[in-house]
Each structure stands twice: as C-alpha cells, then as structure tokens.
C-alpha atoms as a PDB file:
ATOM      1  CA  MET A   1      93.847 115.267  84.446  1.00  0.00           C
ATOM      2  CA  ILE A   2      94.830 111.986  85.581  1.00  0.00           C
ATOM      3  CA  TYR A   3      92.620 108.815  85.145  1.00  0.00           C
ATOM      4  CA  HIS A   4      93.714 106.213  87.721  1.00  0.00           C
ATOM      5  CA  HIS A   5      92.512 102.808  86.305  1.00  0.00           C
ATOM      6  CA  ASN A   6      92.022  99.530  88.399  1.00  0.00           C
ATOM      7  CA  ARG A   7      91.092  96.263  86.682  1.00  0.00           C
ATOM      8  CA  PHE A   8      90.707  93.095  88.764  1.00  0.00           C
ATOM      9  CA  ALA A   9      89.148  89.603  89.267  1.00  0.00           C
ATOM     10  CA  PHE A  10      88.140  88.118  92.713  1.00  0.00           C
ATOM     11  CA  LYS A  11      89.293  84.767  93.974  1.00  0.00           C
ATOM     12  CA  LYS A  12      86.826  81.980  93.490  1.00  0.00           C
ATOM     13  CA  THR A  13      86.552  81.826  97.468  1.00  0.00           C
ATOM     14  CA  ALA A  14      85.412  85.475  97.602  1.00  0.00           C
ATOM     15  CA  THR A  15      81.726  85.351  98.754  1.00  0.00           C
ATOM     16  CA  ALA A  16      79.122  87.433  97.181  1.00  0.00           C
ATOM     17  CA  GLU A  17      78.853  89.461 100.324  1.00  0.00           C
ATOM     18  CA  GLN A  18      82.560  90.094 100.236  1.00  0.00           C
ATOM     19  CA  ARG A  19      82.484  91.033  96.634  1.00  0.00           C
ATOM     20  CA  ASP A  20      79.484  93.531  97.220  1.00  0.00           C
ATOM     21  CA  GLU A  21      81.316  95.131 100.203  1.00  0.00           C
ATOM     22  CA  ALA A  22      84.631  95.573  98.137  1.00  0.00           C
ATOM     23  CA  LEU A  23      82.628  97.157  95.386  1.00  0.00           C
ATOM     24  CA  ALA A  24      80.649  99.361  97.552  1.00  0.00           C
ATOM     25  CA  SER A  25      83.957 100.544  99.209  1.00  0.00           C
ATOM     26  CA  LEU A  26      85.225 101.445  95.889  1.00  0.00           C
ATOM     27  CA  ARG A  27      82.255 103.254  95.145  1.00  0.00           C
ATOM     28  CA  ASN A  28      82.505 105.232  98.651  1.00  0.00           C
ATOM     29  CA  GLN A  29      86.097 106.307  97.511  1.00  0.00           C
ATOM     30  CA  GLY A  30      84.357 108.114  94.642  1.00  0.00           C
ATOM     31  CA  GLU A  31      81.737 109.632  96.725  1.00  0.00           C
ATOM     32  CA  SER A  32      83.985 110.570  99.723  1.00  0.00           C
ATOM     33  CA  ILE A  33      87.341 111.745  98.472  1.00  0.00           C
ATOM     34  CA  ASP A  34      87.000 115.411  97.604  1.00  0.00           C
ATOM     35  CA  ALA A  35      89.909 115.263  95.074  1.00  0.00           C
ATOM     36  CA  VAL A  36      87.835 112.625  92.807  1.00  0.00           C
ATOM     37  CA  VAL A  37      86.429 114.631  90.079  1.00  0.00           C
ATOM     38  CA  ARG A  38      84.441 111.679  88.385  1.00  0.00           C
ATOM     39  CA  TYR A  39      84.586 107.751  88.900  1.00  0.00           C
ATOM     40  CA  VAL A  40      82.978 104.704  87.733  1.00  0.00           C
ATOM     41  CA  VAL A  41      83.035 101.248  89.266  1.00  0.00           C
ATOM     42  CA  GLY A  42      81.588  98.352  87.338  1.00  0.00           C
ATOM     43  CA  ARG A  43      81.894  95.277  85.347  1.00  0.00           C
ATOM     44  CA  ASP A  44      84.961  95.152  83.023  1.00  0.00           C
ATOM     45  CA  VAL A  45      83.662  94.444  79.444  1.00  0.00           C
ATOM     46  CA  GLY A  46      85.905  92.733  76.792  1.00  0.00           C
ATOM     47  CA  GLY A  47      88.771  91.761  78.961  1.00  0.00           C
ATOM     48  CA  GLU A  48      90.176  89.198  81.225  1.00  0.00           C
ATOM     49  CA  PHE A  49      89.028  90.895  84.386  1.00  0.00           C
ATOM     50  CA  GLU A  50      85.662  90.814  86.005  1.00  0.00           C
ATOM     51  CA  TYR A  51      85.339  94.531  87.354  1.00  0.00           C
ATOM     52  CA  GLY A  52      87.102  97.859  86.912  1.00  0.00           C
ATOM     53  CA  ALA A  53      87.239 101.183  88.524  1.00  0.00           C
ATOM     54  CA  VAL A  54      88.425 104.500  87.093  1.00  0.00           C
ATOM     55  CA  PHE A  55      89.084 107.629  89.329  1.00  0.00           C
ATOM     56  CA  VAL A  56      89.553 111.009  87.750  1.00  0.00           C
ATOM     57  CA  LEU A  57      91.949 113.433  89.496  1.00  0.00           C
ATOM     58  CA  GLU A  58      92.837 116.841  88.378  1.00  0.00           C
ATOM     59  CA  ASP A  59      96.330 116.746  89.325  1.00  0.00           C
ATOM     60  CA  LEU A  60      99.173 115.191  91.357  1.00  0.00           C
ATOM     61  CA  ALA A  61      98.001 116.836  94.542  1.00  0.00           C
ATOM     62  CA  GLY A  62      94.559 115.321  94.006  1.00  0.00           C
ATOM     63  CA  TYR A  63      96.299 112.008  93.333  1.00  0.00           C
ATOM     64  CA  ARG A  64      98.071 112.175  96.648  1.00  0.00           C
ATOM     65  CA  GLU A  65      94.857 113.054  98.515  1.00  0.00           C
ATOM     66  CA  TYR A  66      93.117 110.113  96.664  1.00  0.00           C
ATOM     67  CA  LEU A  67      95.922 107.631  97.911  1.00  0.00           C
ATOM     68  CA  MET A  68      96.067 108.767 101.380  1.00  0.00           C
ATOM     69  CA  ALA A  69      92.306 108.888 101.885  1.00  0.00           C
ATOM     70  CA  PRO A  70      91.000 106.655 104.826  1.00  0.00           C
ATOM     71  CA  SER A  71      88.252 105.326 102.386  1.00  0.00           C
ATOM     72  CA  HIS A  72      90.952 104.210 100.089  1.00  0.00           C
ATOM     73  CA  ALA A  73      93.013 102.414 102.920  1.00  0.00           C
ATOM     74  CA  ARG A  74      89.563 100.656 103.798  1.00  0.00           C
ATOM     75  CA  THR A  75      89.101  99.368 100.343  1.00  0.00           C
ATOM     76  CA  ASP A  76      92.581  98.084 100.475  1.00  0.00           C
ATOM     77  CA  ARG A  77      92.161  96.420 103.661  1.00  0.00           C
ATOM     78  CA  ILE A  78      88.900  94.586 102.757  1.00  0.00           C
ATOM     79  CA  GLY A  79      89.427  94.211  98.973  1.00  0.00           C
ATOM     80  CA  LEU A  80      93.059  93.307  98.322  1.00  0.00           C
ATOM     81  CA  PRO A  81      92.785  89.928 100.227  1.00  0.00           C
ATOM     82  CA  LEU A  82      89.804  88.900  97.843  1.00  0.00           C
ATOM     83  CA  LEU A  83      91.654  89.494  94.496  1.00  0.00           C
ATOM     84  CA  GLU A  84      93.140  86.892  92.309  1.00  0.00           C
ATOM     85  CA  THR A  85      94.518  89.314  89.685  1.00  0.00           C
ATOM     86  CA  PHE A  86      94.845  93.195  89.883  1.00  0.00           C
ATOM     87  CA  VAL A  87      96.159  95.609  87.422  1.00  0.00           C
ATOM     88  CA  SER A  88      96.327  99.435  88.096  1.00  0.00           C
ATOM     89  CA  TYR A  89      97.723 102.110  85.671  1.00  0.00           C
ATOM     90  CA  ASP A  90      97.132 105.746  84.792  1.00  0.00           C
ATOM     91  CA  THR A  91      96.288 107.824  81.730  1.00  0.00           C
ATOM     92  CA  THR A  92      97.095 111.492  81.859  1.00  0.00           C
ATOM     93  CA  ASP A  93      96.917 114.681  79.396  1.00  0.00           C
ATOM     94  CA  SER A  94      99.799 116.030  81.400  1.00  0.00           C
ATOM     95  CA  ASP A  95     102.649 117.540  79.425  1.00  0.00           C
ATOM     96  CA  ASP A  96     105.049 116.874  82.372  1.00  0.00           C
ATOM     97  CA  PRO A  97     107.866 114.550  81.092  1.00  0.00           C
ATOM     98  CA  ASP A  98     108.420 113.334  84.624  1.00  0.00           C
ATOM     99  CA  ILE A  99     104.748 112.586  85.340  1.00  0.00           C
ATOM    100  CA  ALA A 100     105.190 108.675  85.502  1.00  0.00           C
ATOM    101  CA  GLY A 101     108.177 109.204  88.058  1.00  0.00           C
ATOM    102  CA  LYS A 102     106.154 111.562  90.058  1.00  0.00           C
ATOM    103  CA  ILE A 103     103.106 109.241  90.275  1.00  0.00           C
ATOM    104  CA  ALA A 104     105.260 106.239  91.068  1.00  0.00           C
ATOM    105  CA  ALA A 105     106.956 108.394  93.893  1.00  0.00           C
ATOM    106  CA  LEU A 106     103.382 108.996  95.514  1.00  0.00           C
ATOM    107  CA  HIS A 107     102.892 105.269  95.485  1.00  0.00           C
ATOM    108  CA  ALA A 108     106.359 104.622  96.940  1.00  0.00           C
ATOM    109  CA  ARG A 109     105.719 107.002  99.691  1.00  0.00           C
ATOM    110  CA  ARG A 110     102.495 105.605 100.457  1.00  0.00           C
ATOM    111  CA  TYR A 111     104.083 102.015 100.612  1.00  0.00           C
ATOM    112  CA  ALA A 112     106.920 103.261 102.612  1.00  0.00           C
ATOM    113  CA  GLY A 113     104.412 104.521 105.286  1.00  0.00           C
ATOM    114  CA  ASP A 114     102.267 101.534 105.427  1.00  0.00           C
ATOM    115  CA  PRO A 115     104.123  97.981 105.698  1.00  0.00           C
ATOM    116  CA  ALA A 116     100.776  96.202 106.073  1.00  0.00           C
ATOM    117  CA  LEU A 117      99.633  97.762 102.889  1.00  0.00           C
ATOM    118  CA  THR A 118     103.036  96.853 101.233  1.00  0.00           C
ATOM    119  CA  LYS A 119     102.390  93.303 102.173  1.00  0.00           C
ATOM    120  CA  LEU A 120      98.844  92.982 100.936  1.00  0.00           C
ATOM    121  CA  VAL A 121      99.882  94.346  97.446  1.00  0.00           C
ATOM    122  CA  ALA A 122     103.147  92.483  97.229  1.00  0.00           C
ATOM    123  CA  ASP A 123     101.331  89.175  98.236  1.00  0.00           C
ATOM    124  CA  LEU A 124      98.534  89.399  95.651  1.00  0.00           C
ATOM    125  CA  PRO A 125      98.728  86.439  93.365  1.00  0.00           C
ATOM    126  CA  SER A 126      98.949  88.642  90.196  1.00  0.00           C
ATOM    127  CA  TYR A 127      99.641  92.455  90.334  1.00  0.00           C
ATOM    128  CA  THR A 128     100.976  94.770  87.928  1.00  0.00           C
ATOM    129  CA  GLY A 129     101.107  98.564  87.951  1.00  0.00           C
ATOM    130  CA  SER A 130     103.090 101.703  87.743  1.00  0.00           C
ATOM    131  CA  ALA A 131     104.501 101.162  91.327  1.00  0.00           C
ATOM    132  CA  ALA A 132     104.016  97.648  92.290  1.00  0.00           C
ATOM    133  CA  PRO A 133     106.193  96.569  95.355  1.00  0.00           C
ATOM    134  CA  LYS A 134     107.999  93.278  95.190  1.00  0.00           C
ATOM    135  CA  ALA A 135     106.623  90.213  96.707  1.00  0.00           C
ATOM    136  CA  THR A 136     107.418  89.777 100.335  1.00  0.00           C
ATOM    137  CA  GLY A 137     108.118  86.079 100.681  1.00  0.00           C
END
C-alpha cells in the first residue's frame, strides 16, 4: 500500500469560496479516482499547515492512475495557485528497495508531459516533496 500525503496552507489572499472549491476538488479525487482505496481531506492538527489530505493507493499502477486522473489535474489547476506552503510525501509498506525512485519517476513523467503543471508546482512559494521540480524563474 502507498499512502500519498499532502499538507498545505493557503495564501492569505485566498477567499473562503476558493478554499472551499479546492477542498471539494480534493474530496472529489477520492470519490472519482477508482485507484483510491481510501482517503481523508481535512484540518491538519498539530502542525504548521492548515489542511491535509491522504490518498491510499494499492500499488504503483494505482499511483499512476491517481496522478494522471482528470480530477487530480483539476485540483492542481484551481488549488496550487492558492497555496503558500505545500508538502507532499509517501508512506509505504512495500518491500521494494527501489520504491522511492519508482514513485519519483511517476512524478517526473507527469511533469515532463505537462509543462503548465510543472510551472504551477515550481512557482509555489514553498514546496517540498519526493519529486519537486525546480523553480522556473
């Protein structure tokens, strides 16, 4: 199993309506992507972030399906411009010693095929993750 975690805080300029739309879009990912076994989207408690989301995926094939889903792309397009800080990472019980590289390769292929997404992520004020692209400018 792979647990894909996202933790984030909105910019002060993000309106309540924009926040609600972004959070609803994250929840839609959990509902609409068949590869998602379970998910949670909600308040981040005890940390420096406002919200978090965790998507549980069975394997790398499911991870790829999750990354490439239209609902995921929609969330990126509407949500990323609203974020001040963003962290993504994965927890897995896989015994594969190359799992981290394989996950990073999935992200790299996604970024390579979507320059607009790459720019959105690279231009975040603060982003760390297993496959964060470099800043564009």
